[in-house]
C-alpha atoms as a PDB file:
ATOM      1  CA  LEU A   1      88.415 184.406 204.048  1.00  0.00           C
ATOM      2  CA  LYS A   2      86.042 184.344 200.814  1.00  0.00           C
ATOM      3  CA  ALA A   3      85.844 180.307 201.940  1.00  0.00           C
ATOM      4  CA  PRO A   4      83.457 179.169 204.851  1.00  0.00           C
ATOM      5  CA  GLN A   5      83.774 180.278 207.765  1.00  0.00           C
ATOM      6  CA  ILE A   6      83.599 178.165 211.800  1.00  0.00           C
ATOM      7  CA  ASP A   7      83.570 179.815 215.064  1.00  0.00           C
ATOM      8  CA  LEU A   8      86.664 179.313 216.526  1.00  0.00           C
ATOM      9  CA  GLN A   9      85.130 179.609 220.130  1.00  0.00           C
ATOM     10  CA  THR A  10      87.587 182.427 221.009  1.00  0.00           C
ATOM     11  CA  THR A  11      87.676 183.268 224.591  1.00  0.00           C
ATOM     12  CA  HIS A  12      89.550 185.703 227.036  1.00  0.00           C
ATOM     13  CA  ALA A  13      91.195 185.502 229.988  1.00  0.00           C
ATOM     14  CA  LEU A  14      93.488 188.763 231.464  1.00  0.00           C
ATOM     15  CA  ALA A  15      94.928 188.435 234.936  1.00  0.00           C
ATOM     16  CA  GLY A  16      98.230 190.460 236.360  1.00  0.00           C
ATOM     17  CA  GLY A  17      99.513 191.654 233.014  1.00  0.00           C
ATOM     18  CA  VAL A  18      98.802 188.528 231.235  1.00  0.00           C
ATOM     19  CA  TYR A  19      96.058 188.577 228.446  1.00  0.00           C
ATOM     20  CA  ALA A  20      95.494 185.235 226.983  1.00  0.00           C
ATOM     21  CA  ARG A  21      93.311 184.568 224.336  1.00  0.00           C
ATOM     22  CA  THR A  22      92.193 180.660 223.217  1.00  0.00           C
ATOM     23  CA  ILE A  23      90.632 179.033 219.585  1.00  0.00           C
ATOM     24  CA  PHE A  24      88.679 176.402 219.739  1.00  0.00           C
ATOM     25  CA  ILE A  25      89.976 174.603 216.087  1.00  0.00           C
ATOM     26  CA  PRO A  26      88.099 171.292 214.969  1.00  0.00           C
ATOM     27  CA  ALA A  27      89.429 168.724 213.085  1.00  0.00           C
ATOM     28  CA  GLY A  28      89.775 169.046 209.851  1.00  0.00           C
ATOM     29  CA  SER A  29      89.637 172.439 210.248  1.00  0.00           C
ATOM     30  CA  VAL A  30      92.722 174.992 208.069  1.00  0.00           C
ATOM     31  CA  LEU A  31      93.185 178.474 209.413  1.00  0.00           C
ATOM     32  CA  THR A  32      95.614 181.506 209.101  1.00  0.00           C
ATOM     33  CA  GLY A  33      96.238 183.560 212.296  1.00  0.00           C
ATOM     34  CA  ALA A  34      96.437 187.252 212.223  1.00  0.00           C
ATOM     35  CA  ALA A  35     101.009 188.887 212.091  1.00  0.00           C
ATOM     36  CA  HIS A  36     101.840 189.799 216.220  1.00  0.00           C
ATOM     37  CA  LYS A  37     103.178 193.102 216.442  1.00  0.00           C
ATOM     38  CA  LYS A  38     105.175 191.577 220.045  1.00  0.00           C
ATOM     39  CA  ASP A  39     106.625 188.234 221.187  1.00  0.00           C
ATOM     40  CA  HIS A  40     104.294 185.934 222.398  1.00  0.00           C
ATOM     41  CA  LEU A  41     103.844 182.243 223.511  1.00  0.00           C
ATOM     42  CA  ASN A  42     101.309 180.045 222.463  1.00  0.00           C
ATOM     43  CA  LEU A  43     100.081 176.695 224.180  1.00  0.00           C
ATOM     44  CA  MET A  44      98.543 174.237 221.975  1.00  0.00           C
ATOM     45  CA  GLN A  45      96.874 170.856 222.747  1.00  0.00           C
ATOM     46  CA  GLY A  46      95.416 168.550 220.584  1.00  0.00           C
ATOM     47  CA  ASP A  47      97.374 167.678 216.672  1.00  0.00           C
ATOM     48  CA  ILE A  48      97.801 170.179 214.282  1.00  0.00           C
ATOM     49  CA  THR A  49     100.470 170.495 211.184  1.00  0.00           C
ATOM     50  CA  VAL A  50     101.168 174.501 211.821  1.00  0.00           C
ATOM     51  CA  TRP A  51     103.877 176.675 210.634  1.00  0.00           C
ATOM     52  CA  THR A  52     106.726 177.720 212.414  1.00  0.00           C
ATOM     53  CA  GLU A  53     109.847 179.610 212.754  1.00  0.00           C
ATOM     54  CA  THR A  54     111.417 176.111 211.068  1.00  0.00           C
ATOM     55  CA  GLY A  55     109.171 175.400 208.850  1.00  0.00           C
ATOM     56  CA  MET A  56     105.993 173.338 208.787  1.00  0.00           C
ATOM     57  CA  GLN A  57     106.036 170.776 211.972  1.00  0.00           C
ATOM     58  CA  ARG A  58     103.398 168.583 213.097  1.00  0.00           C
ATOM     59  CA  LEU A  59     102.358 168.640 216.393  1.00  0.00           C
ATOM     60  CA  LYS A  60     100.709 166.457 218.382  1.00  0.00           C
ATOM     61  CA  GLY A  61      99.742 166.767 222.113  1.00  0.00           C
ATOM     62  CA  GLN A  62     101.150 169.497 224.062  1.00  0.00           C
ATOM     63  CA  HIS A  63     103.730 171.902 222.624  1.00  0.00           C
ATOM     64  CA  VAL A  64     104.831 175.489 224.017  1.00  0.00           C
ATOM     65  CA  LEU A  65     106.047 177.831 221.326  1.00  0.00           C
ATOM     66  CA  PRO A  66     107.386 180.838 221.356  1.00  0.00           C
ATOM     67  CA  THR A  67     107.059 183.385 219.356  1.00  0.00           C
ATOM     68  CA  LYS A  68     108.908 186.851 217.879  1.00  0.00           C
ATOM     69  CA  ALA A  69     107.082 189.917 216.842  1.00  0.00           C
ATOM     70  CA  GLY A  70     105.543 189.662 212.576  1.00  0.00           C
ATOM     71  CA  ALA A  71     105.392 185.690 213.300  1.00  0.00           C
ATOM     72  CA  LYS A  72     101.927 184.220 211.033  1.00  0.00           C
ATOM     73  CA  ARG A  73     101.104 181.389 211.232  1.00  0.00           C
ATOM     74  CA  ALA A  74      98.526 178.900 208.914  1.00  0.00           C
ATOM     75  CA  GLY A  75      97.602 175.210 210.117  1.00  0.00           C
ATOM     76  CA  LEU A  76      95.435 171.742 209.599  1.00  0.00           C
ATOM     77  CA  ALA A  77      94.201 170.331 212.905  1.00  0.00           C
ATOM     78  CA  HIS A  78      94.096 167.236 212.460  1.00  0.00           C
ATOM     79  CA  ALA A  79      92.190 166.061 215.050  1.00  0.00           C
ATOM     80  CA  ASP A  80      90.211 168.508 218.150  1.00  0.00           C
ATOM     81  CA  THR A  81      92.788 171.443 218.885  1.00  0.00           C
ATOM     82  CA  TRP A  82      93.507 174.129 221.367  1.00  0.00           C
ATOM     83  CA  TRP A  83      94.793 176.879 220.879  1.00  0.00           C
ATOM     84  CA  THR A  84      96.671 179.862 223.744  1.00  0.00           C
ATOM     85  CA  THR A  85      97.965 183.300 222.386  1.00  0.00           C
ATOM     86  CA  ILE A  86      99.468 184.722 225.897  1.00  0.00           C
ATOM     87  CA  CYS A  87     101.197 188.107 225.337  1.00  0.00           C
ATOM     88  CA  ALA A  88     102.180 190.755 227.798  1.00  0.00           C
ATOM     89  CA  THR A  89     100.299 193.939 228.149  1.00  0.00           C
ATOM     90  CA  GLU A  90      99.581 197.142 230.988  1.00  0.00           C
ATOM     91  CA  LEU A  91      95.588 196.724 228.822  1.00  0.00           C
ATOM     92  CA  ASN A  92      92.499 195.689 230.272  1.00  0.00           C
ATOM     93  CA  ASP A  93      89.944 196.398 227.140  1.00  0.00           C
ATOM     94  CA  VAL A  94      89.875 193.569 224.737  1.00  0.00           C
ATOM     95  CA  ASP A  95      89.755 195.902 221.558  1.00  0.00           C
ATOM     96  CA  ALA A  96      92.696 197.611 223.052  1.00  0.00           C
ATOM     97  CA  ILE A  97      94.512 194.614 222.900  1.00  0.00           C
ATOM     98  CA  GLU A  98      93.830 193.326 220.106  1.00  0.00           C
ATOM     99  CA  ALA A  99      95.765 196.946 218.139  1.00  0.00           C
ATOM    100  CA  GLU A 100      98.255 196.645 220.565  1.00  0.00           C
ATOM    101  CA  LEU A 101      99.310 192.968 219.439  1.00  0.00           C
ATOM    102  CA  VAL A 102      98.135 191.716 216.403  1.00  0.00           C
ATOM    103  CA  GLU A 103      98.282 193.467 212.686  1.00  0.00           C
ATOM    104  CA  ALA A 104      95.020 194.872 211.434  1.00  0.00           C
ATOM    105  CA  PRO A 105      93.047 193.616 214.295  1.00  0.00           C
ATOM    106  CA  GLU A 106      89.749 194.358 212.253  1.00  0.00           C
ATOM    107  CA  ARG A 107      90.482 191.061 210.836  1.00  0.00           C
ATOM    108  CA  LEU A 108      90.702 189.089 213.705  1.00  0.00           C
ATOM    109  CA  GLN A 109      87.452 186.808 213.643  1.00  0.00           C
ATOM    110  CA  THR A 110      85.926 188.060 217.007  1.00  0.00           C
ATOM    111  CA  LYS A 111      85.417 191.321 214.536  1.00  0.00           C
ATOM    112  CA  THR A 112      83.681 189.517 211.909  1.00  0.00           C
ATOM    113  CA  HIS A 113      79.928 189.150 211.989  1.00  0.00           C
ATOM    114  CA  ALA A 114      77.820 187.290 212.696  1.00  0.00           C
ATOM    115  CA  ILE A 115      80.939 185.521 214.900  1.00  0.00           C
ATOM    116  CA  GLY A 116      81.705 186.123 217.921  1.00  0.00           C
ATOM    117  CA  CYS A 117      83.372 185.264 221.497  1.00  0.00           C
ATOM    118  CA  ALA A 118      82.879 184.439 225.011  1.00  0.00           C
ATOM    119  CA  PRO A 119      83.391 187.364 227.628  1.00  0.00           C
ATOM    120  CA  LEU A 120      87.194 188.103 228.759  1.00  0.00           C
ATOM    121  CA  MET A 121      87.292 186.798 232.385  1.00  0.00           C
ATOM    122  CA  LYS A 122      89.632 188.735 234.359  1.00  0.00           C
ATOM    123  CA  LEU A 123      91.257 187.606 238.023  1.00  0.00           C
ATOM    124  CA  GLU A 124      91.197 190.114 240.857  1.00  0.00           C
ATOM    125  CA  HIS A 125      93.778 189.964 243.672  1.00  0.00           C
END
């Protein structure tokens, strides 16, 4: 956190009790994620070496990674990469959802100074 920070261009979407949080990871970026409180899915598109349940893996192209509660990831993007975390929730407020889903939500990039996010997109019936 003491290193220079980049804007990961976080976007949010919510539909039918499912929350999706997408970040854009520019090539050459090193990053760490937050520890999650719940099982969830990750969808990625790009080229990144990332910590998985089986150790460090280089993932190229498109992948779906099931993730258990307590998992925390770290990675290095070799090319521009999009990473989407998908979680079930009954909530509809981003701050409340982040608090429900991750440990130390106040440390998320969307909560740090000078870096924001796109507004929540809700899909209505």
